[in-house]
Amino acid sequence: MKCTQYFLFVRQRPDRSIIKEGWILDTIKNPVKKEVQVDGRIRKWKFIEEAGRHLRVILLEDGETVHNVFFDRSFKEGEK
C-alpha cells in the first residue's frame, strides 16, 4: 500500500493505529461513497462491520496513495 509520510505519522495515534490495513484496502476498492475534493484528493467511505463505524480514506490525486484514514462520525450513508 502506497502512503504519504503524513499518513505514517498520524497512524501512530492510538485512535488511528486500531484501523486495519485490510479495512483501508477494502474501502479503496469497494466504497459506498466517493468524492473528489477541490484539491484533487479523493475521499472514499465504507461501513466497517467489525468496528461498527464508517471509515473515511483520503487518497492523493493518483487514486492509490493513502494520505489519511479515520472513522468519520458525521458520515450518513445515502446523504448527498
PDB file of N, CA and C in Angstrom:
ATOM      1  N   MET A   1       0.850  -1.175   0.000  1.00  0.00           N
ATOM      2  CA  MET A   1       0.000   0.000   0.000  1.00  0.00           C
ATOM      3  C   MET A   1       0.895   1.238   0.000  1.00  0.00           C
ATOM      4  N   LYS A   2       0.689   2.099  -0.975  1.00  0.00           N
ATOM      5  CA  LYS A   2       1.443   3.352  -1.023  1.00  0.00           C
ATOM      6  C   LYS A   2       0.814   4.343  -0.048  1.00  0.00           C
ATOM      7  N   CYS A   3       1.674   5.109   0.648  1.00  0.00           N
ATOM      8  CA  CYS A   3       1.154   6.092   1.594  1.00  0.00           C
ATOM      9  C   CYS A   3       2.135   7.250   1.750  1.00  0.00           C
ATOM     10  N   THR A   4       1.608   8.344   2.277  1.00  0.00           N
ATOM     11  CA  THR A   4       2.407   9.546   2.495  1.00  0.00           C
ATOM     12  C   THR A   4       3.104   9.475   3.856  1.00  0.00           C
ATOM     13  N   GLN A   5       4.090  10.323   4.054  1.00  0.00           N
ATOM     14  CA  GLN A   5       4.750  10.430   5.358  1.00  0.00           C
ATOM     15  C   GLN A   5       3.757  10.909   6.418  1.00  0.00           C
ATOM     16  N   TYR A   6       2.852  11.796   6.009  1.00  0.00           N
ATOM     17  CA  TYR A   6       1.823  12.276   6.938  1.00  0.00           C
ATOM     18  C   TYR A   6       1.004  11.101   7.469  1.00  0.00           C
ATOM     19  N   PHE A   7       0.590  10.199   6.577  1.00  0.00           N
ATOM     20  CA  PHE A   7      -0.181   9.025   6.987  1.00  0.00           C
ATOM     21  C   PHE A   7       0.608   8.190   7.994  1.00  0.00           C
ATOM     22  N   LEU A   8       1.879   7.953   7.724  1.00  0.00           N
ATOM     23  CA  LEU A   8       2.705   7.154   8.631  1.00  0.00           C
ATOM     24  C   LEU A   8       2.808   7.802  10.005  1.00  0.00           C
ATOM     25  N   PHE A   9       2.907   9.127  10.029  1.00  0.00           N
ATOM     26  CA  PHE A   9       2.989   9.859  11.289  1.00  0.00           C
ATOM     27  C   PHE A   9       1.666   9.770  12.061  1.00  0.00           C
ATOM     28  N   VAL A  10       0.563  10.076  11.387  1.00  0.00           N
ATOM     29  CA  VAL A  10      -0.750  10.092  12.037  1.00  0.00           C
ATOM     30  C   VAL A  10      -1.170   8.686  12.454  1.00  0.00           C
ATOM     31  N   ARG A  11      -0.735   7.695  11.734  1.00  0.00           N
ATOM     32  CA  ARG A  11      -1.100   6.300  12.024  1.00  0.00           C
ATOM     33  C   ARG A  11      -0.591   5.858  13.403  1.00  0.00           C
ATOM     34  N   GLN A  12       0.346   6.575  13.982  1.00  0.00           N
ATOM     35  CA  GLN A  12       0.887   6.230  15.291  1.00  0.00           C
ATOM     36  C   GLN A  12      -0.067   6.596  16.436  1.00  0.00           C
ATOM     37  N   ARG A  13      -1.059   7.451  16.152  1.00  0.00           N
ATOM     38  CA  ARG A  13      -2.017   7.852  17.183  1.00  0.00           C
ATOM     39  C   ARG A  13      -2.861   6.646  17.597  1.00  0.00           C
ATOM     40  N   PRO A  14      -3.204   6.535  18.878  1.00  0.00           N
ATOM     41  CA  PRO A  14      -3.981   5.375  19.344  1.00  0.00           C
ATOM     42  C   PRO A  14      -5.309   5.181  18.609  1.00  0.00           C
ATOM     43  N   ASP A  15      -5.989   6.289  18.278  1.00  0.00           N
ATOM     44  CA  ASP A  15      -7.287   6.171  17.605  1.00  0.00           C
ATOM     45  C   ASP A  15      -7.143   5.756  16.136  1.00  0.00           C
ATOM     46  N   ARG A  16      -5.954   5.898  15.587  1.00  0.00           N
ATOM     47  CA  ARG A  16      -5.722   5.519  14.186  1.00  0.00           C
ATOM     48  C   ARG A  16      -5.020   4.171  14.059  1.00  0.00           C
ATOM     49  N   SER A  17      -4.255   3.797  15.074  1.00  0.00           N
ATOM     50  CA  SER A  17      -3.494   2.544  14.993  1.00  0.00           C
ATOM     51  C   SER A  17      -4.400   1.317  15.010  1.00  0.00           C
ATOM     52  N   ILE A  18      -5.639   1.476  15.479  1.00  0.00           N
ATOM     53  CA  ILE A  18      -6.575   0.345  15.504  1.00  0.00           C
ATOM     54  C   ILE A  18      -7.179   0.050  14.130  1.00  0.00           C
ATOM     55  N   ILE A  19      -6.991   0.957  13.182  1.00  0.00           N
ATOM     56  CA  ILE A  19      -7.550   0.784  11.839  1.00  0.00           C
ATOM     57  C   ILE A  19      -6.688  -0.209  11.065  1.00  0.00           C
ATOM     58  N   LYS A  20      -7.311  -1.301  10.659  1.00  0.00           N
ATOM     59  CA  LYS A  20      -6.583  -2.372   9.981  1.00  0.00           C
ATOM     60  C   LYS A  20      -6.346  -2.041   8.508  1.00  0.00           C
ATOM     61  N   GLU A  21      -5.188  -2.484   8.005  1.00  0.00           N
ATOM     62  CA  GLU A  21      -4.844  -2.244   6.608  1.00  0.00           C
ATOM     63  C   GLU A  21      -5.890  -2.854   5.673  1.00  0.00           C
ATOM     64  N   GLY A  22      -6.422  -4.004   6.028  1.00  0.00           N
ATOM     65  CA  GLY A  22      -7.455  -4.641   5.207  1.00  0.00           C
ATOM     66  C   GLY A  22      -8.693  -3.783   5.068  1.00  0.00           C
ATOM     67  N   TRP A  23      -9.067  -3.073   6.139  1.00  0.00           N
ATOM     68  CA  TRP A  23     -10.217  -2.165   6.080  1.00  0.00           C
ATOM     69  C   TRP A  23      -9.933  -1.025   5.113  1.00  0.00           C
ATOM     70  N   ILE A  24      -8.711  -0.518   5.151  1.00  0.00           N
ATOM     71  CA  ILE A  24      -8.327   0.577   4.254  1.00  0.00           C
ATOM     72  C   ILE A  24      -8.415   0.116   2.803  1.00  0.00           C
ATOM     73  N   LEU A  25      -7.813  -1.028   2.515  1.00  0.00           N
ATOM     74  CA  LEU A  25      -7.812  -1.550   1.136  1.00  0.00           C
ATOM     75  C   LEU A  25      -9.225  -1.846   0.652  1.00  0.00           C
ATOM     76  N   ASP A  26     -10.069  -2.385   1.529  1.00  0.00           N
ATOM     77  CA  ASP A  26     -11.447  -2.679   1.157  1.00  0.00           C
ATOM     78  C   ASP A  26     -12.232  -1.400   0.872  1.00  0.00           C
ATOM     79  N   THR A  27     -11.975  -0.368   1.661  1.00  0.00           N
ATOM     80  CA  THR A  27     -12.645   0.921   1.445  1.00  0.00           C
ATOM     81  C   THR A  27     -12.226   1.520   0.109  1.00  0.00           C
ATOM     82  N   ILE A  28     -10.952   1.394  -0.241  1.00  0.00           N
ATOM     83  CA  ILE A  28     -10.464   1.912  -1.513  1.00  0.00           C
ATOM     84  C   ILE A  28     -11.130   1.173  -2.683  1.00  0.00           C
ATOM     85  N   LYS A  29     -11.252  -0.145  -2.566  1.00  0.00           N
ATOM     86  CA  LYS A  29     -11.790  -0.955  -3.664  1.00  0.00           C
ATOM     87  C   LYS A  29     -13.316  -0.952  -3.739  1.00  0.00           C
ATOM     88  N   ASN A  30     -13.985  -0.874  -2.593  1.00  0.00           N
ATOM     89  CA  ASN A  30     -15.450  -1.021  -2.553  1.00  0.00           C
ATOM     90  C   ASN A  30     -16.126   0.060  -1.709  1.00  0.00           C
ATOM     91  N   PRO A  31     -15.948   1.325  -2.050  1.00  0.00           N
ATOM     92  CA  PRO A  31     -16.553   2.380  -1.228  1.00  0.00           C
ATOM     93  C   PRO A  31     -18.067   2.452  -1.415  1.00  0.00           C
ATOM     94  N   VAL A  32     -18.756   2.926  -0.371  1.00  0.00           N
ATOM     95  CA  VAL A  32     -20.189   3.194  -0.503  1.00  0.00           C
ATOM     96  C   VAL A  32     -20.401   4.596  -1.061  1.00  0.00           C
ATOM     97  N   LYS A  33     -19.368   5.437  -0.940  1.00  0.00           N
ATOM     98  CA  LYS A  33     -19.438   6.798  -1.468  1.00  0.00           C
ATOM     99  C   LYS A  33     -18.033   7.255  -1.832  1.00  0.00           C
ATOM    100  N   LYS A  34     -17.949   8.081  -2.875  1.00  0.00           N
ATOM    101  CA  LYS A  34     -16.667   8.631  -3.327  1.00  0.00           C
ATOM    102  C   LYS A  34     -16.878  10.091  -3.708  1.00  0.00           C
ATOM    103  N   GLU A  35     -15.941  10.942  -3.301  1.00  0.00           N
ATOM    104  CA  GLU A  35     -15.975  12.368  -3.651  1.00  0.00           C
ATOM    105  C   GLU A  35     -14.571  12.820  -4.018  1.00  0.00           C
ATOM    106  N   VAL A  36     -14.484  13.743  -4.951  1.00  0.00           N
ATOM    107  CA  VAL A  36     -13.203  14.362  -5.291  1.00  0.00           C
ATOM    108  C   VAL A  36     -13.212  15.770  -4.706  1.00  0.00           C
ATOM    109  N   GLN A  37     -12.216  16.072  -3.897  1.00  0.00           N
ATOM    110  CA  GLN A  37     -12.089  17.391  -3.280  1.00  0.00           C
ATOM    111  C   GLN A  37     -11.603  18.392  -4.321  1.00  0.00           C
ATOM    112  N   VAL A  38     -11.727  19.680  -4.016  1.00  0.00           N
ATOM    113  CA  VAL A  38     -11.281  20.721  -4.939  1.00  0.00           C
ATOM    114  C   VAL A  38      -9.776  20.656  -5.187  1.00  0.00           C
ATOM    115  N   ASP A  39      -9.016  20.112  -4.234  1.00  0.00           N
ATOM    116  CA  ASP A  39      -7.570  19.998  -4.415  1.00  0.00           C
ATOM    117  C   ASP A  39      -7.179  18.714  -5.165  1.00  0.00           C
ATOM    118  N   GLY A  40      -8.184  17.928  -5.585  1.00  0.00           N
ATOM    119  CA  GLY A  40      -7.919  16.723  -6.359  1.00  0.00           C
ATOM    120  C   GLY A  40      -7.815  15.452  -5.529  1.00  0.00           C
ATOM    121  N   ARG A  41      -7.727  15.600  -4.233  1.00  0.00           N
ATOM    122  CA  ARG A  41      -7.682  14.397  -3.394  1.00  0.00           C
ATOM    123  C   ARG A  41      -9.038  13.699  -3.428  1.00  0.00           C
ATOM    124  N   ILE A  42      -9.015  12.407  -3.176  1.00  0.00           N
ATOM    125  CA  ILE A  42     -10.213  11.579  -3.308  1.00  0.00           C
ATOM    126  C   ILE A  42     -10.615  11.032  -1.941  1.00  0.00           C
ATOM    127  N   ARG A  43     -11.875  11.236  -1.588  1.00  0.00           N
ATOM    128  CA  ARG A  43     -12.425  10.714  -0.338  1.00  0.00           C
ATOM    129  C   ARG A  43     -13.257   9.481  -0.655  1.00  0.00           C
ATOM    130  N   LYS A  44     -13.079   8.424   0.146  1.00  0.00           N
ATOM    131  CA  LYS A  44     -13.887   7.218  -0.004  1.00  0.00           C
ATOM    132  C   LYS A  44     -14.333   6.762   1.375  1.00  0.00           C
ATOM    133  N   TRP A  45     -15.578   6.298   1.458  1.00  0.00           N
ATOM    134  CA  TRP A  45     -16.146   5.825   2.712  1.00  0.00           C
ATOM    135  C   TRP A  45     -16.652   4.395   2.575  1.00  0.00           C
ATOM    136  N   LYS A  46     -16.614   3.680   3.682  1.00  0.00           N
ATOM    137  CA  LYS A  46     -17.202   2.337   3.746  1.00  0.00           C
ATOM    138  C   LYS A  46     -17.537   2.022   5.199  1.00  0.00           C
ATOM    139  N   PHE A  47     -18.668   1.339   5.393  1.00  0.00           N
ATOM    140  CA  PHE A  47     -19.040   0.910   6.741  1.00  0.00           C
ATOM    141  C   PHE A  47     -18.225  -0.332   7.085  1.00  0.00           C
ATOM    142  N   ILE A  48     -17.556  -0.295   8.218  1.00  0.00           N
ATOM    143  CA  ILE A  48     -16.739  -1.414   8.686  1.00  0.00           C
ATOM    144  C   ILE A  48     -17.539  -2.149   9.760  1.00  0.00           C
ATOM    145  N   GLU A  49     -18.070  -3.311   9.387  1.00  0.00           N
ATOM    146  CA  GLU A  49     -18.925  -4.088  10.299  1.00  0.00           C
ATOM    147  C   GLU A  49     -18.233  -4.358  11.634  1.00  0.00           C
ATOM    148  N   GLU A  50     -16.987  -4.785  11.571  1.00  0.00           N
ATOM    149  CA  GLU A  50     -16.244  -5.160  12.776  1.00  0.00           C
ATOM    150  C   GLU A  50     -16.118  -4.008  13.773  1.00  0.00           C
ATOM    151  N   ALA A  51     -16.005  -2.789  13.242  1.00  0.00           N
ATOM    152  CA  ALA A  51     -15.862  -1.609  14.100  1.00  0.00           C
ATOM    153  C   ALA A  51     -17.198  -0.933  14.372  1.00  0.00           C
ATOM    154  N   GLY A  52     -18.193  -1.201  13.523  1.00  0.00           N
ATOM    155  CA  GLY A  52     -19.500  -0.580  13.684  1.00  0.00           C
ATOM    156  C   GLY A  52     -19.527   0.887  13.326  1.00  0.00           C
ATOM    157  N   ARG A  53     -18.583   1.300  12.461  1.00  0.00           N
ATOM    158  CA  ARG A  53     -18.476   2.723  12.078  1.00  0.00           C
ATOM    159  C   ARG A  53     -18.054   2.845  10.622  1.00  0.00           C
ATOM    160  N   HIS A  54     -18.205   4.060  10.087  1.00  0.00           N
ATOM    161  CA  HIS A  54     -17.776   4.340   8.725  1.00  0.00           C
ATOM    162  C   HIS A  54     -16.321   4.811   8.724  1.00  0.00           C
ATOM    163  N   LEU A  55     -15.549   4.237   7.824  1.00  0.00           N
ATOM    164  CA  LEU A  55     -14.150   4.622   7.663  1.00  0.00           C
ATOM    165  C   LEU A  55     -14.046   5.563   6.478  1.00  0.00           C
ATOM    166  N   ARG A  56     -13.316   6.658   6.645  1.00  0.00           N
ATOM    167  CA  ARG A  56     -13.026   7.556   5.528  1.00  0.00           C
ATOM    168  C   ARG A  56     -11.557   7.402   5.180  1.00  0.00           C
ATOM    169  N   VAL A  57     -11.287   7.180   3.895  1.00  0.00           N
ATOM    170  CA  VAL A  57      -9.923   7.096   3.377  1.00  0.00           C
ATOM    171  C   VAL A  57      -9.734   8.249   2.423  1.00  0.00           C
ATOM    172  N   ILE A  58      -8.657   8.992   2.597  1.00  0.00           N
ATOM    173  CA  ILE A  58      -8.337  10.095   1.690  1.00  0.00           C
ATOM    174  C   ILE A  58      -7.093   9.717   0.915  1.00  0.00           C
ATOM    175  N   LEU A  59      -7.251   9.723  -0.414  1.00  0.00           N
ATOM    176  CA  LEU A  59      -6.161   9.368  -1.325  1.00  0.00           C
ATOM    177  C   LEU A  59      -5.651  10.612  -2.023  1.00  0.00           C
ATOM    178  N   LEU A  60      -4.397  10.573  -2.435  1.00  0.00           N
ATOM    179  CA  LEU A  60      -3.870  11.657  -3.266  1.00  0.00           C
ATOM    180  C   LEU A  60      -4.498  11.566  -4.656  1.00  0.00           C
ATOM    181  N   GLU A  61      -4.200  12.531  -5.482  1.00  0.00           N
ATOM    182  CA  GLU A  61      -4.783  12.642  -6.814  1.00  0.00           C
ATOM    183  C   GLU A  61      -4.540  11.411  -7.679  1.00  0.00           C
ATOM    184  N   ASP A  62      -3.475  10.651  -7.396  1.00  0.00           N
ATOM    185  CA  ASP A  62      -3.168   9.465  -8.196  1.00  0.00           C
ATOM    186  C   ASP A  62      -4.154   8.317  -7.948  1.00  0.00           C
ATOM    187  N   GLY A  63      -4.999   8.455  -6.916  1.00  0.00           N
ATOM    188  CA  GLY A  63      -6.019   7.466  -6.634  1.00  0.00           C
ATOM    189  C   GLY A  63      -5.523   6.212  -5.934  1.00  0.00           C
ATOM    190  N   GLU A  64      -4.241   6.177  -5.559  1.00  0.00           N
ATOM    191  CA  GLU A  64      -3.724   4.987  -4.884  1.00  0.00           C
ATOM    192  C   GLU A  64      -2.873   5.263  -3.653  1.00  0.00           C
ATOM    193  N   THR A  65      -2.373   6.476  -3.500  1.00  0.00           N
ATOM    194  CA  THR A  65      -1.537   6.808  -2.348  1.00  0.00           C
ATOM    195  C   THR A  65      -2.420   7.284  -1.191  1.00  0.00           C
ATOM    196  N   VAL A  66      -2.370   6.573  -0.070  1.00  0.00           N
ATOM    197  CA  VAL A  66      -3.188   6.896   1.100  1.00  0.00           C
ATOM    198  C   VAL A  66      -2.557   8.071   1.851  1.00  0.00           C
ATOM    199  N   HIS A  67      -3.371   9.101   2.082  1.00  0.00           N
ATOM    200  CA  HIS A  67      -2.903  10.287   2.787  1.00  0.00           C
ATOM    201  C   HIS A  67      -3.438  10.337   4.221  1.00  0.00           C
ATOM    202  N   ASN A  68      -4.667   9.856   4.421  1.00  0.00           N
ATOM    203  CA  ASN A  68      -5.267   9.912   5.753  1.00  0.00           C
ATOM    204  C   ASN A  68      -6.388   8.881   5.847  1.00  0.00           C
ATOM    205  N   VAL A  69      -6.617   8.368   7.043  1.00  0.00           N
ATOM    206  CA  VAL A  69      -7.748   7.471   7.316  1.00  0.00           C
ATOM    207  C   VAL A  69      -8.255   7.750   8.722  1.00  0.00           C
ATOM    208  N   PHE A  70      -9.571   7.698   8.868  1.00  0.00           N
ATOM    209  CA  PHE A  70     -10.159   7.877  10.189  1.00  0.00           C
ATOM    210  C   PHE A  70     -11.609   7.440  10.156  1.00  0.00           C
ATOM    211  N   PHE A  71     -12.159   7.155  11.342  1.00  0.00           N
ATOM    212  CA  PHE A  71     -13.570   6.856  11.450  1.00  0.00           C
ATOM    213  C   PHE A  71     -14.322   8.179  11.419  1.00  0.00           C
ATOM    214  N   ASP A  72     -15.250   8.292  10.491  1.00  0.00           N
ATOM    215  CA  ASP A  72     -15.975   9.537  10.253  1.00  0.00           C
ATOM    216  C   ASP A  72     -17.294   9.515  11.023  1.00  0.00           C
ATOM    217  N   ARG A  73     -17.340  10.200  12.137  1.00  0.00           N
ATOM    218  CA  ARG A  73     -18.538  10.216  12.986  1.00  0.00           C
ATOM    219  C   ARG A  73     -19.724  10.910  12.340  1.00  0.00           C
ATOM    220  N   SER A  74     -19.462  11.843  11.434  1.00  0.00           N
ATOM    221  CA  SER A  74     -20.555  12.635  10.848  1.00  0.00           C
ATOM    222  C   SER A  74     -21.114  12.047   9.558  1.00  0.00           C
ATOM    223  N   PHE A  75     -20.494  10.993   9.011  1.00  0.00           N
ATOM    224  CA  PHE A  75     -20.959  10.434   7.735  1.00  0.00           C
ATOM    225  C   PHE A  75     -22.273   9.693   7.908  1.00  0.00           C
ATOM    226  N   LYS A  76     -23.208  10.004   7.006  1.00  0.00           N
ATOM    227  CA  LYS A  76     -24.505   9.325   6.966  1.00  0.00           C
ATOM    228  C   LYS A  76     -24.647   8.722   5.574  1.00  0.00           C
ATOM    229  N   GLU A  77     -24.749   7.426   5.503  1.00  0.00           N
ATOM    230  CA  GLU A  77     -24.878   6.750   4.217  1.00  0.00           C
ATOM    231  C   GLU A  77     -26.160   7.191   3.529  1.00  0.00           C
ATOM    232  N   GLY A  78     -26.049   7.473   2.237  1.00  0.00           N
ATOM    233  CA  GLY A  78     -27.204   7.887   1.456  1.00  0.00           C
ATOM    234  C   GLY A  78     -27.376   9.393   1.346  1.00  0.00           C
ATOM    235  N   GLU A  79     -26.634  10.172   2.137  1.00  0.00           N
ATOM    236  CA  GLU A  79     -26.703  11.638   2.037  1.00  0.00           C
ATOM    237  C   GLU A  79     -25.893  12.129   0.866  1.00  0.00           C
ATOM    238  N   LYS A  80     -26.319  13.239   0.302  1.00  0.00           N
ATOM    239  CA  LYS A  80     -25.561  13.829  -0.806  1.00  0.00           C
ATOM    240  C   LYS A  80     -24.675  14.917  -0.296  1.00  0.00           C
TER     241      LYS A  80
END
